[in-house]
PDB file of N, CA and C in Angstrom:
ATOM      1  N   MET A   1      22.349  -9.728  15.288  1.00  0.00           N
ATOM      2  CA  MET A   1      22.521  -9.259  13.924  1.00  0.00           C
ATOM      3  C   MET A   1      21.172  -9.252  13.223  1.00  0.00           C
ATOM      4  N   VAL A   2      20.933  -8.235  12.457  1.00  0.00           N
ATOM      5  CA  VAL A   2      19.662  -8.072  11.770  1.00  0.00           C
ATOM      6  C   VAL A   2      19.842  -8.419  10.301  1.00  0.00           C
ATOM      7  N   ASP A   3      18.950  -9.260   9.803  1.00  0.00           N
ATOM      8  CA  ASP A   3      18.961  -9.592   8.386  1.00  0.00           C
ATOM      9  C   ASP A   3      18.239  -8.479   7.633  1.00  0.00           C
ATOM     10  N   LYS A   4      19.007  -7.595   6.997  1.00  0.00           N
ATOM     11  CA  LYS A   4      18.431  -6.422   6.337  1.00  0.00           C
ATOM     12  C   LYS A   4      17.531  -6.798   5.174  1.00  0.00           C
ATOM     13  N   GLU A   5      17.871  -7.849   4.459  1.00  0.00           N
ATOM     14  CA  GLU A   5      17.068  -8.260   3.304  1.00  0.00           C
ATOM     15  C   GLU A   5      15.670  -8.716   3.730  1.00  0.00           C
ATOM     16  N   SER A   6      15.566  -9.426   4.850  1.00  0.00           N
ATOM     17  CA  SER A   6      14.246  -9.872   5.303  1.00  0.00           C
ATOM     18  C   SER A   6      13.386  -8.691   5.749  1.00  0.00           C
ATOM     19  N   TRP A   7      14.005  -7.668   6.371  1.00  0.00           N
ATOM     20  CA  TRP A   7      13.245  -6.475   6.754  1.00  0.00           C
ATOM     21  C   TRP A   7      12.806  -5.693   5.526  1.00  0.00           C
ATOM     22  N   ARG A   8      13.651  -5.659   4.506  1.00  0.00           N
ATOM     23  CA  ARG A   8      13.286  -4.975   3.268  1.00  0.00           C
ATOM     24  C   ARG A   8      12.093  -5.669   2.607  1.00  0.00           C
ATOM     25  N   LEU A   9      12.122  -6.981   2.552  1.00  0.00           N
ATOM     26  CA  LEU A   9      11.026  -7.741   1.960  1.00  0.00           C
ATOM     27  C   LEU A   9       9.746  -7.597   2.786  1.00  0.00           C
ATOM     28  N   THR A  10       9.875  -7.664   4.111  1.00  0.00           N
ATOM     29  CA  THR A  10       8.719  -7.491   4.993  1.00  0.00           C
ATOM     30  C   THR A  10       8.084  -6.123   4.804  1.00  0.00           C
ATOM     31  N   THR A  11       8.911  -5.093   4.751  1.00  0.00           N
ATOM     32  CA  THR A  11       8.401  -3.738   4.547  1.00  0.00           C
ATOM     33  C   THR A  11       7.703  -3.619   3.203  1.00  0.00           C
ATOM     34  N   LEU A  12       8.304  -4.169   2.171  1.00  0.00           N
ATOM     35  CA  LEU A  12       7.700  -4.117   0.845  1.00  0.00           C
ATOM     36  C   LEU A  12       6.326  -4.789   0.835  1.00  0.00           C
ATOM     37  N   LEU A  13       6.239  -5.964   1.415  1.00  0.00           N
ATOM     38  CA  LEU A  13       4.957  -6.677   1.452  1.00  0.00           C
ATOM     39  C   LEU A  13       3.903  -5.921   2.260  1.00  0.00           C
ATOM     40  N   LEU A  14       4.288  -5.386   3.409  1.00  0.00           N
ATOM     41  CA  LEU A  14       3.337  -4.642   4.232  1.00  0.00           C
ATOM     42  C   LEU A  14       2.844  -3.378   3.543  1.00  0.00           C
ATOM     43  N   VAL A  15       3.738  -2.664   2.882  1.00  0.00           N
ATOM     44  CA  VAL A  15       3.349  -1.429   2.199  1.00  0.00           C
ATOM     45  C   VAL A  15       2.454  -1.738   1.003  1.00  0.00           C
ATOM     46  N   VAL A  16       2.784  -2.763   0.240  1.00  0.00           N
ATOM     47  CA  VAL A  16       1.939  -3.138  -0.903  1.00  0.00           C
ATOM     48  C   VAL A  16       0.554  -3.570  -0.423  1.00  0.00           C
ATOM     49  N   LEU A  17       0.494  -4.384   0.605  1.00  0.00           N
ATOM     50  CA  LEU A  17      -0.797  -4.810   1.156  1.00  0.00           C
ATOM     51  C   LEU A  17      -1.592  -3.622   1.670  1.00  0.00           C
ATOM     52  N   SER A  18      -0.922  -2.709   2.352  1.00  0.00           N
ATOM     53  CA  SER A  18      -1.576  -1.521   2.874  1.00  0.00           C
ATOM     54  C   SER A  18      -2.146  -0.667   1.741  1.00  0.00           C
ATOM     55  N   LEU A  19      -1.374  -0.492   0.676  1.00  0.00           N
ATOM     56  CA  LEU A  19      -1.855   0.289  -0.466  1.00  0.00           C
ATOM     57  C   LEU A  19      -3.032  -0.372  -1.166  1.00  0.00           C
ATOM     58  N   ILE A  20      -2.976  -1.683  -1.317  1.00  0.00           N
ATOM     59  CA  ILE A  20      -4.085  -2.408  -1.951  1.00  0.00           C
ATOM     60  C   ILE A  20      -5.357  -2.264  -1.121  1.00  0.00           C
ATOM     61  N   VAL A  21      -5.247  -2.465   0.176  1.00  0.00           N
ATOM     62  CA  VAL A  21      -6.411  -2.333   1.053  1.00  0.00           C
ATOM     63  C   VAL A  21      -6.946  -0.906   1.012  1.00  0.00           C
ATOM     64  N   PHE A  22      -6.051   0.074   1.052  1.00  0.00           N
ATOM     65  CA  PHE A  22      -6.472   1.472   1.001  1.00  0.00           C
ATOM     66  C   PHE A  22      -7.238   1.754  -0.289  1.00  0.00           C
ATOM     67  N   LEU A  23      -6.706   1.319  -1.417  1.00  0.00           N
ATOM     68  CA  LEU A  23      -7.361   1.590  -2.690  1.00  0.00           C
ATOM     69  C   LEU A  23      -8.696   0.868  -2.825  1.00  0.00           C
ATOM     70  N   VAL A  24      -8.774  -0.372  -2.374  1.00  0.00           N
ATOM     71  CA  VAL A  24     -10.039  -1.112  -2.428  1.00  0.00           C
ATOM     72  C   VAL A  24     -11.077  -0.461  -1.533  1.00  0.00           C
ATOM     73  N   GLN A  25     -10.674  -0.058  -0.350  1.00  0.00           N
ATOM     74  CA  GLN A  25     -11.592   0.581   0.588  1.00  0.00           C
ATOM     75  C   GLN A  25     -12.147   1.892   0.025  1.00  0.00           C
ATOM     76  N   ARG A  26     -11.330   2.626  -0.716  1.00  0.00           N
ATOM     77  CA  ARG A  26     -11.749   3.944  -1.193  1.00  0.00           C
ATOM     78  C   ARG A  26     -12.441   3.900  -2.544  1.00  0.00           C
ATOM     79  N   THR A  27     -12.185   2.877  -3.365  1.00  0.00           N
ATOM     80  CA  THR A  27     -12.733   2.863  -4.717  1.00  0.00           C
ATOM     81  C   THR A  27     -13.879   1.874  -4.909  1.00  0.00           C
ATOM     82  N   SER A  28     -13.748   0.666  -4.400  1.00  0.00           N
ATOM     83  CA  SER A  28     -14.762  -0.358  -4.669  1.00  0.00           C
ATOM     84  C   SER A  28     -15.830  -0.400  -3.590  1.00  0.00           C
ATOM     85  N   TRP A  29     -15.487  -1.012  -2.490  1.00  0.00           N
ATOM     86  CA  TRP A  29     -16.424  -1.108  -1.383  1.00  0.00           C
ATOM     87  C   TRP A  29     -15.642  -1.187  -0.086  1.00  0.00           C
ATOM     88  N   ALA A  30     -16.258  -0.734   0.974  1.00  0.00           N
ATOM     89  CA  ALA A  30     -15.605  -0.730   2.283  1.00  0.00           C
ATOM     90  C   ALA A  30     -15.814  -2.082   2.954  1.00  0.00           C
ATOM     91  N   VAL A  31     -14.801  -2.902   2.897  1.00  0.00           N
ATOM     92  CA  VAL A  31     -14.863  -4.232   3.492  1.00  0.00           C
ATOM     93  C   VAL A  31     -14.616  -4.150   4.989  1.00  0.00           C
ATOM     94  N   PHE A  32     -13.676  -3.300   5.384  1.00  0.00           N
ATOM     95  CA  PHE A  32     -13.278  -3.193   6.780  1.00  0.00           C
ATOM     96  C   PHE A  32     -13.698  -1.850   7.363  1.00  0.00           C
ATOM     97  N   ASP A  33     -13.914  -1.834   8.665  1.00  0.00           N
ATOM     98  CA  ASP A  33     -14.108  -0.585   9.384  1.00  0.00           C
ATOM     99  C   ASP A  33     -12.793   0.202   9.330  1.00  0.00           C
ATOM    100  N   THR A  34     -12.884   1.518   9.347  1.00  0.00           N
ATOM    101  CA  THR A  34     -11.698   2.359   9.203  1.00  0.00           C
ATOM    102  C   THR A  34     -10.683   2.124  10.320  1.00  0.00           C
ATOM    103  N   VAL A  35     -11.146   1.997  11.555  1.00  0.00           N
ATOM    104  CA  VAL A  35     -10.231   1.775  12.682  1.00  0.00           C
ATOM    105  C   VAL A  35      -9.510   0.439  12.522  1.00  0.00           C
ATOM    106  N   PHE A  36     -10.232  -0.592  12.135  1.00  0.00           N
ATOM    107  CA  PHE A  36      -9.633  -1.910  11.900  1.00  0.00           C
ATOM    108  C   PHE A  36      -8.601  -1.828  10.782  1.00  0.00           C
ATOM    109  N   GLU A  37      -8.949  -1.155   9.707  1.00  0.00           N
ATOM    110  CA  GLU A  37      -8.043  -0.999   8.566  1.00  0.00           C
ATOM    111  C   GLU A  37      -6.732  -0.332   8.980  1.00  0.00           C
ATOM    112  N   VAL A  38      -6.843   0.744   9.732  1.00  0.00           N
ATOM    113  CA  VAL A  38      -5.649   1.473  10.159  1.00  0.00           C
ATOM    114  C   VAL A  38      -4.803   0.622  11.097  1.00  0.00           C
ATOM    115  N   CYS A  39      -5.440  -0.026  12.067  1.00  0.00           N
ATOM    116  CA  CYS A  39      -4.701  -0.800  13.070  1.00  0.00           C
ATOM    117  C   CYS A  39      -4.070  -2.073  12.503  1.00  0.00           C
ATOM    118  N   ILE A  40      -4.722  -2.713  11.568  1.00  0.00           N
ATOM    119  CA  ILE A  40      -4.238  -3.995  11.063  1.00  0.00           C
ATOM    120  C   ILE A  40      -3.320  -3.845   9.851  1.00  0.00           C
ATOM    121  N   PHE A  41      -3.538  -2.823   9.027  1.00  0.00           N
ATOM    122  CA  PHE A  41      -2.764  -2.710   7.795  1.00  0.00           C
ATOM    123  C   PHE A  41      -1.790  -1.528   7.785  1.00  0.00           C
ATOM    124  N   HIS A  42      -2.247  -0.337   8.126  1.00  0.00           N
ATOM    125  CA  HIS A  42      -1.430   0.854   7.921  1.00  0.00           C
ATOM    126  C   HIS A  42      -0.383   1.063   9.024  1.00  0.00           C
ATOM    127  N   ILE A  43      -0.747   0.855  10.274  1.00  0.00           N
ATOM    128  CA  ILE A  43       0.228   1.024  11.364  1.00  0.00           C
ATOM    129  C   ILE A  43       1.370   0.011  11.254  1.00  0.00           C
ATOM    130  N   PRO A  44       1.094  -1.281  11.017  1.00  0.00           N
ATOM    131  CA  PRO A  44       2.224  -2.211  10.833  1.00  0.00           C
ATOM    132  C   PRO A  44       3.099  -1.855   9.632  1.00  0.00           C
ATOM    133  N   ALA A  45       2.503  -1.333   8.553  1.00  0.00           N
ATOM    134  CA  ALA A  45       3.304  -0.929   7.397  1.00  0.00           C
ATOM    135  C   ALA A  45       4.223   0.236   7.759  1.00  0.00           C
ATOM    136  N   LEU A  46       3.711   1.199   8.495  1.00  0.00           N
ATOM    137  CA  LEU A  46       4.542   2.321   8.930  1.00  0.00           C
ATOM    138  C   LEU A  46       5.638   1.860   9.890  1.00  0.00           C
ATOM    139  N   PHE A  47       5.293   0.966  10.792  1.00  0.00           N
ATOM    140  CA  PHE A  47       6.266   0.428  11.744  1.00  0.00           C
ATOM    141  C   PHE A  47       7.361  -0.343  11.011  1.00  0.00           C
ATOM    142  N   GLY A  48       6.967  -1.161  10.043  1.00  0.00           N
ATOM    143  CA  GLY A  48       7.946  -1.901   9.256  1.00  0.00           C
ATOM    144  C   GLY A  48       8.851  -0.981   8.463  1.00  0.00           C
ATOM    145  N   ALA A  49       8.276   0.080   7.898  1.00  0.00           N
ATOM    146  CA  ALA A  49       9.084   1.041   7.152  1.00  0.00           C
ATOM    147  C   ALA A  49      10.066   1.751   8.078  1.00  0.00           C
ATOM    148  N   ALA A  50       9.622   2.107   9.269  1.00  0.00           N
ATOM    149  CA  ALA A  50      10.515   2.772  10.226  1.00  0.00           C
ATOM    150  C   ALA A  50      11.654   1.844  10.639  1.00  0.00           C
ATOM    151  N   LEU A  51      11.358   0.583  10.884  1.00  0.00           N
ATOM    152  CA  LEU A  51      12.413  -0.372  11.234  1.00  0.00           C
ATOM    153  C   LEU A  51      13.369  -0.599  10.071  1.00  0.00           C
ATOM    154  N   ASN A  52      12.825  -0.640   8.863  1.00  0.00           N
ATOM    155  CA  ASN A  52      13.675  -0.811   7.696  1.00  0.00           C
ATOM    156  C   ASN A  52      14.636   0.359   7.551  1.00  0.00           C
ATOM    157  N   VAL A  53      14.159   1.570   7.770  1.00  0.00           N
ATOM    158  CA  VAL A  53      15.027   2.751   7.710  1.00  0.00           C
ATOM    159  C   VAL A  53      16.087   2.694   8.805  1.00  0.00           C
ATOM    160  N   LYS A  54      15.670   2.285   9.997  1.00  0.00           N
ATOM    161  CA  LYS A  54      16.627   2.188  11.122  1.00  0.00           C
ATOM    162  C   LYS A  54      17.707   1.160  10.824  1.00  0.00           C
ATOM    163  N   PHE A  55      17.305  -0.020  10.339  1.00  0.00           N
ATOM    164  CA  PHE A  55      18.271  -1.078  10.105  1.00  0.00           C
ATOM    165  C   PHE A  55      19.120  -0.833   8.862  1.00  0.00           C
ATOM    166  N   SER A  56      18.606  -0.092   7.882  1.00  0.00           N
ATOM    167  CA  SER A  56      19.406   0.186   6.698  1.00  0.00           C
ATOM    168  C   SER A  56      20.515   1.176   7.003  1.00  0.00           C
ATOM    169  N   GLY A  57      20.381   1.935   8.089  1.00  0.00           N
ATOM    170  CA  GLY A  57      21.411   2.873   8.483  1.00  0.00           C
ATOM    171  C   GLY A  57      22.512   2.234   9.303  1.00  0.00           C
ATOM    172  N   ASP A  58      22.281   1.020   9.821  1.00  0.00           N
ATOM    173  CA  ASP A  58      23.311   0.330  10.596  1.00  0.00           C
ATOM    174  C   ASP A  58      24.452  -0.106   9.694  1.00  0.00           C
ATOM    175  N   SER A  59      25.652   0.023  10.180  1.00  0.00           N
ATOM    176  CA  SER A  59      26.821  -0.389   9.402  1.00  0.00           C
ATOM    177  C   SER A  59      27.200  -1.843   9.680  1.00  0.00           C
ATOM    178  N   ALA A  60      26.616  -2.441  10.712  1.00  0.00           N
ATOM    179  CA  ALA A  60      26.993  -3.806  11.085  1.00  0.00           C
ATOM    180  C   ALA A  60      26.334  -4.847  10.257  1.00  0.00           C
TER     181      ALA A  60
END
């Protein structure tokens, strides 16, 4: 059984973190290399969002 609320919270946190990192990288200063940024922040956020969509469609 999947706890939908925990996936929703995880997705929210990952997306917010990804957006913050993206905005800081583009506006202030580039702290991280682009490849590192994508692999560590953006891909997990997309993966979490995809899992959240998958689990929100389950009726169980």
